C-alpha cells in the first residue's frame, strides 16, 4: 500500500480556508496550549498540592503527552504538507550548524552566565527506566516534533499568510518584507528572554533559507540539525536552561 501523496498546488489552493488553517496552524497551536497548561499547573501547584513534585514540575509528564498528541496531528494531516523535495539537504544542514553556533555563542564566547536550571533528566538517574524514557521523549520532541510543527507553522503557514490570507495560493519561499521580518520577530518572541536575540537571528537565517531554496524540507532539516546539536550540547554541559 502506497502512502498518500501530497495534493497538487491547484488542489491545495482550493482547500476550504478553515480546514487549511486547522491543518497548517493547528499542531503549533495545540503545542502552545500544552505549554500554557504546563505553566499554569506549575504556577498554581503550591495551592493545589504543596510539595508535590509532579505538579510543581509538570513538564516532565506534560511534554511526553504533548509529543504524542502533536505527533498524531502531524501524521493525520501529513499528506497535506508539501516539503518541496529534499534536494537542498546540504543547505539545510549548513544552516542548522550555523544556527546552533548562534544559539550557544552568548555562553560559549561572550561571557553570558551559564543556564543550569531547567528540564533535567538527571533527576531520575537512580531510576534508569524513567531516566531513559524522559530523555528519549525529550529528544523525540526536540529533534522531530518541534522542527516539523514549527516549520510548518512559521514558514509553511505564517510567512505565506502575511502575504495573502489564501496562503496556499502563495508559493512557498515567496518574499515580502512584512512576512520575512514579521515571522522572524514572532519566532523570537515565543522564546524565553535569554534566547530572543539568538532566536531572531535564527529566524532570519531560516527565512532566508526558505526564500533561497523554496523548500520547506530544507527548513525542517535545518531546525532538526540545530536542535539535535543543541540537545547533545545541553546533555554534555548540563546547561538545562537551553531547553
Protein backbone atom coordinates (compact mmCIF):
# COMPACT_ATOMS: atom_id res chain seq x y z
CA UNK A 1 0.00 0.00 0.00
CA UNK A 2 1.49 3.32 -1.08
CA UNK A 3 1.44 6.33 1.29
CA UNK A 4 -0.94 9.12 0.28
CA UNK A 5 0.58 11.77 -1.93
CA UNK A 6 0.50 15.48 -1.21
CA UNK A 7 -2.25 17.36 -3.03
CA UNK A 8 -1.28 19.32 -6.11
CA UNK A 9 -0.89 23.12 -5.78
CA UNK A 10 -4.25 23.50 -7.52
CA UNK A 11 -5.94 21.12 -5.07
CA UNK A 12 -4.24 22.77 -2.09
CA UNK A 13 -5.34 26.24 -3.18
CA UNK A 14 -8.99 25.08 -3.26
CA UNK A 15 -8.88 23.55 0.24
CA UNK A 16 -11.52 25.30 2.40
CA UNK A 17 -9.86 28.10 4.34
CA UNK A 18 -10.94 26.92 7.78
CA UNK A 19 -9.58 23.44 7.06
CA UNK A 20 -6.33 24.84 5.64
CA UNK A 21 -5.84 26.94 8.78
CA UNK A 22 -6.53 23.93 11.00
CA UNK A 23 -4.07 21.71 9.12
CA UNK A 24 -1.19 24.20 8.89
CA UNK A 25 -1.59 26.10 12.17
CA UNK A 26 -3.37 23.51 14.33
CA UNK A 27 -0.41 21.41 15.52
CA UNK A 28 1.52 24.51 16.60
CA UNK A 29 -1.49 25.96 18.44
CA UNK A 30 -2.05 22.67 20.28
CA UNK A 31 1.66 22.59 21.13
CA UNK A 32 1.46 26.09 22.62
CA UNK A 33 -1.67 25.21 24.61
CA UNK A 34 0.24 22.38 26.26
CA UNK A 35 3.00 24.86 27.20
CA UNK A 36 0.37 27.18 28.68
CA UNK A 37 -1.13 24.31 30.68
CA UNK A 38 2.31 23.35 31.98
CA UNK A 39 2.99 26.93 33.04
CA UNK A 40 -0.36 27.31 34.81
CA UNK A 41 -0.13 23.98 36.63
CA UNK A 42 3.39 24.78 37.82
CA UNK A 43 2.34 28.27 38.91
CA UNK A 44 -0.62 27.13 41.00
CA UNK A 45 0.79 23.78 42.17
CA UNK A 46 1.58 25.02 45.67
CA UNK A 47 -2.07 25.98 46.13
CA UNK A 48 -3.25 22.60 44.85
CA UNK A 49 -0.88 20.10 46.47
CA UNK A 50 2.09 21.76 48.20
CA UNK A 51 5.32 19.80 47.85
CA UNK A 52 4.10 17.52 45.05
CA UNK A 53 6.99 17.13 42.58
CA UNK A 54 4.84 16.23 39.56
CA UNK A 55 2.59 19.27 39.97
CA UNK A 56 5.48 21.61 40.71
CA UNK A 57 7.30 20.29 37.62
CA UNK A 58 4.52 19.33 35.20
CA UNK A 59 6.79 19.49 32.14
CA UNK A 60 8.13 16.03 32.99
CA UNK A 61 4.76 14.45 32.21
CA UNK A 62 3.11 17.10 30.01
CA UNK A 63 5.93 17.11 27.42
CA UNK A 64 5.58 13.38 26.60
CA UNK A 65 1.80 13.79 26.22
CA UNK A 66 2.38 16.90 24.11
CA UNK A 67 4.80 14.95 21.92
CA UNK A 68 2.32 12.13 21.31
CA UNK A 69 -0.67 14.40 20.64
CA UNK A 70 1.22 16.70 18.26
CA UNK A 71 2.82 13.72 16.55
CA UNK A 72 -0.65 12.28 15.98
CA UNK A 73 -1.87 15.55 14.43
CA UNK A 74 1.15 15.74 12.13
CA UNK A 75 0.57 12.17 10.95
CA UNK A 76 -3.14 12.77 10.50
CA UNK A 77 -2.55 15.72 8.16
CA UNK A 78 0.77 14.60 6.69
CA UNK A 79 -0.48 14.22 3.12
CA UNK A 80 -1.40 17.92 3.03
CA UNK A 81 2.14 19.12 3.70
CA UNK A 82 4.36 19.68 0.68
CA UNK A 83 8.03 19.73 1.68
CA UNK A 84 9.09 20.63 -1.89
CA UNK A 85 11.69 17.89 -2.13
CA UNK A 86 14.88 17.28 -0.19
CA UNK A 87 17.44 18.27 -2.81
CA UNK A 88 18.62 21.17 -0.65
CA UNK A 89 19.65 18.86 2.20
CA UNK A 90 23.26 20.22 2.34
CA UNK A 91 21.98 23.80 2.61
CA UNK A 92 19.64 22.76 5.41
CA UNK A 93 22.43 21.01 7.30
CA UNK A 94 24.74 24.02 6.92
CA UNK A 95 22.05 26.43 8.11
CA UNK A 96 21.37 24.15 11.07
CA UNK A 97 25.02 24.15 12.14
CA UNK A 98 25.23 27.95 11.81
CA UNK A 99 22.07 28.39 13.90
CA UNK A 100 23.47 26.09 16.60
CA UNK A 101 26.61 28.24 16.82
CA UNK A 102 24.44 31.37 17.05
CA UNK A 103 22.44 29.79 19.87
CA UNK A 104 25.38 28.84 22.09
CA UNK A 105 27.51 31.91 21.30
CA UNK A 106 26.41 34.05 24.29
CA UNK A 107 27.51 31.43 26.84
CA UNK A 108 30.35 29.94 24.85
CA UNK A 109 32.18 33.06 23.70
CA UNK A 110 30.60 36.24 25.08
CA UNK A 111 30.57 35.64 28.82
CA UNK A 112 26.84 35.17 29.38
CA UNK A 113 26.11 33.31 32.63
CA UNK A 114 25.55 29.53 32.47
CA UNK A 115 21.98 28.22 32.49
CA UNK A 116 21.89 25.16 34.76
CA UNK A 117 18.21 25.42 35.75
CA UNK A 118 15.68 23.71 33.53
CA UNK A 119 14.36 20.35 32.33
CA UNK A 120 16.90 17.98 33.88
CA UNK A 121 16.52 14.22 33.25
CA UNK A 122 19.39 13.58 35.68
CA UNK A 123 16.78 13.95 38.45
CA UNK A 124 15.74 10.41 37.55
CA UNK A 125 19.27 8.96 37.30
CA UNK A 126 18.57 6.44 40.06
CA UNK A 127 15.62 5.04 38.10
CA UNK A 128 17.09 4.03 34.72
CA UNK A 129 13.76 3.25 33.02
CA UNK A 130 12.34 6.65 33.95
CA UNK A 131 15.58 8.43 33.07
CA UNK A 132 15.81 6.94 29.57
CA UNK A 133 12.10 7.35 28.88
CA UNK A 134 12.34 11.02 29.87
CA UNK A 135 15.46 11.60 27.77
CA UNK A 136 14.14 9.76 24.71
CA UNK A 137 10.85 11.67 24.73
CA UNK A 138 12.73 14.93 25.22
CA UNK A 139 14.89 14.27 22.15
CA UNK A 140 11.93 13.00 20.12
CA UNK A 141 10.14 16.26 20.88
CA UNK A 142 13.26 18.36 20.27
CA UNK A 143 14.54 16.81 17.05
CA UNK A 144 11.40 15.54 15.29
CA UNK A 145 8.14 17.09 16.53
CA UNK A 146 9.30 20.67 17.14
CA UNK A 147 11.12 21.11 13.79
CA UNK A 148 8.14 19.76 11.87
CA UNK A 149 5.33 21.65 13.54
CA UNK A 150 7.27 24.92 13.91
CA UNK A 151 8.47 24.99 10.30
CA UNK A 152 5.02 24.03 9.04
CA UNK A 153 3.60 26.93 11.07
CA UNK A 154 6.20 29.71 10.80
CA UNK A 155 7.45 29.32 7.25
CA UNK A 156 4.85 26.99 5.74
CA UNK A 157 1.83 28.92 7.03
CA UNK A 158 2.51 32.34 8.58
CA UNK A 159 5.17 33.55 6.16
CA UNK A 160 2.68 32.97 3.34
CA UNK A 161 -0.40 34.11 5.27
CA UNK A 162 1.16 37.53 5.86
CA UNK A 163 1.38 37.89 2.08
CA UNK A 164 -2.16 36.68 1.32
CA UNK A 165 -4.84 35.19 3.55
CA UNK A 166 -5.43 32.45 0.98
CA UNK A 167 -1.94 31.36 1.86
CA UNK A 168 -1.90 28.08 -0.07
CA UNK A 169 -2.08 30.09 -3.29
CA UNK A 170 1.26 31.71 -2.35
CA UNK A 171 4.37 29.81 -3.43
CA UNK A 172 6.49 28.64 -0.51
CA UNK A 173 9.52 30.89 -0.05
CA UNK A 174 7.87 33.96 -1.56
CA UNK A 175 9.44 37.15 -0.21
CA UNK A 176 7.65 40.16 1.23
CA UNK A 177 9.27 42.41 3.88
CA UNK A 178 6.38 42.20 6.37
CA UNK A 179 6.24 38.42 6.12
CA UNK A 180 10.01 37.94 6.23
CA UNK A 181 10.74 40.17 9.22
CA UNK A 182 7.40 39.63 10.97
CA UNK A 183 7.91 35.87 11.12
CA UNK A 184 11.46 36.28 12.43
CA UNK A 185 10.18 38.63 15.15
CA UNK A 186 7.33 36.30 16.09
CA UNK A 187 9.69 33.34 16.22
CA UNK A 188 11.89 35.35 18.58
CA UNK A 189 9.07 36.45 20.89
CA UNK A 190 7.78 32.93 21.61
CA UNK A 191 11.15 32.04 23.10
CA UNK A 192 12.30 32.87 26.62
CA UNK A 193 14.07 36.17 27.26
CA UNK A 194 17.68 34.85 27.15
CA UNK A 195 17.02 33.17 23.79
CA UNK A 196 15.33 36.03 21.95
CA UNK A 197 18.33 37.50 20.15
CA UNK A 198 19.62 34.08 19.00
CA UNK A 199 16.05 33.18 18.01
CA UNK A 200 15.69 36.39 15.99
CA UNK A 201 18.93 35.75 14.12
CA UNK A 202 17.96 32.12 13.59
CA UNK A 203 14.54 33.15 12.31
CA UNK A 204 16.14 35.49 9.78
CA UNK A 205 18.56 32.75 8.70
CA UNK A 206 15.84 30.14 8.20
CA UNK A 207 13.58 32.64 6.43
CA UNK A 208 16.46 33.34 4.04
CA UNK A 209 16.88 29.58 3.59
CA UNK A 210 13.18 29.30 2.71
CA UNK A 211 13.43 32.11 0.15
CA UNK A 212 16.65 30.76 -1.33
CA UNK A 213 15.68 27.09 -1.61
CA UNK A 214 11.88 27.30 -1.89
CA UNK A 215 11.95 24.07 0.14
CA UNK A 216 10.08 23.53 3.40
CA UNK A 217 12.08 20.32 3.74
CA UNK A 218 15.36 22.24 3.91
CA UNK A 219 13.96 24.36 6.76
CA UNK A 220 12.83 21.27 8.67
CA UNK A 221 16.30 19.75 8.25
CA UNK A 222 17.98 22.97 9.44
CA UNK A 223 15.75 23.12 12.52
CA UNK A 224 16.29 19.43 13.30
CA UNK A 225 20.08 19.71 12.96
CA UNK A 226 20.19 22.76 15.23
CA UNK A 227 18.03 21.09 17.85
CA UNK A 228 19.98 17.81 17.72
CA UNK A 229 23.30 19.60 18.20
CA UNK A 230 21.80 21.77 20.92
CA UNK A 231 20.38 18.72 22.70
CA UNK A 232 23.77 16.99 22.71
CA UNK A 233 25.39 20.22 23.94
CA UNK A 234 22.84 20.53 26.75
CA UNK A 235 23.34 16.96 27.96
CA UNK A 236 27.14 17.24 27.80
CA UNK A 237 27.36 20.63 29.55
CA UNK A 238 24.39 20.46 31.92
CA UNK A 239 23.01 23.80 30.68
CA UNK A 240 19.43 22.62 31.06
CA UNK A 241 18.02 26.12 30.68
CA UNK A 242 18.55 25.93 26.92
CA UNK A 243 15.55 23.64 26.55
